[in-house]
């Protein structure tokens, strides 16, 4: 916080400025924020429901879900939430200017970009679930059985990564339109779906069923939000989004196939030495990124070009 205050001061913002304690804009922000908090927290609420029900299962189930959720939170927090935060000002400006066509284009661009990143991340987590869990957590009381059960929860959580990520973008679009009530209504439906699915699946699938219920409920949340936004905007460039998702999925399938083929001989050889396992996981991630980027370029994914241009712009940007 101190570092940010220094930068803001250099840009002309000062804290020592007389201002009234009450402002009409603050009241409006509070009114909009109250339902927004619930709408944005639906994922965490689903996680809480899952952990509560996991406490009714055999010992260790809560821990399996907790550690698996930590791994899913990494790509979700680094990419999806960051992108949703970055795109919100642009969507808000276009909504305020009644530029609905521009808002639709910005929304579609952000959604395609987040899917372009989350789909390969989902694929990587599913294929490398056991090596990643083993590398990060397996020591002390965290034994091989715990690794396998945590990996089981991870694979079901990972299946919903695309929905967790996409929902952040759709919710940002609603907030730009100053509509915080629709996400809340959809969140209630999603929460009820999660509870129902959790009760149905926790019996036959144990903690894995709870993780799967969270992913399915998030998919329901995303689909209902998308449907509501499509009605609100009169279209969301759906065909373009579907084509982009298809190319990203195809590129991820090629990447995943290559990593899975390498894992058949590499993982057994790495189990005896943690340093070999570290090298394999890091190498697989790096190789997967390169292979995915090559396939995306071959399949002419526009999101790949956008990311490359973004990196070039950031690298070449002159320092103040």
Foldseek 3Di string as FASTA:
>chain_A
DVVVQVVVVVVPDDPPDDDDPDDPVVVLCVVLVPLLVLLLCLLVVLLVLLLVVLVVPDPPLNVLLVVLVVLLVVLLVVQLLVLLVVLLVVLLVCLVVVVLVSNLVSLLLSLLLLLLRLLLVLLLCLLCVLLVLCLPPDDDPCHSVNSVSSSLLNNLLSLQSSLSRNLSSLCSNCVSNSHSPVSSVLSVVLSVQLNVQLVVQCVPPNSSSNSNSSSVSSNSSNVSSVVVVCVVSVHRVVVVSVVSSVLSNVLSVVLSVVLNVVCVPQVVVCPVPSVSSVVSSVVSVVVSVVSSLVSCVVVVRVSSVVVVVVVVCVVPPDDD
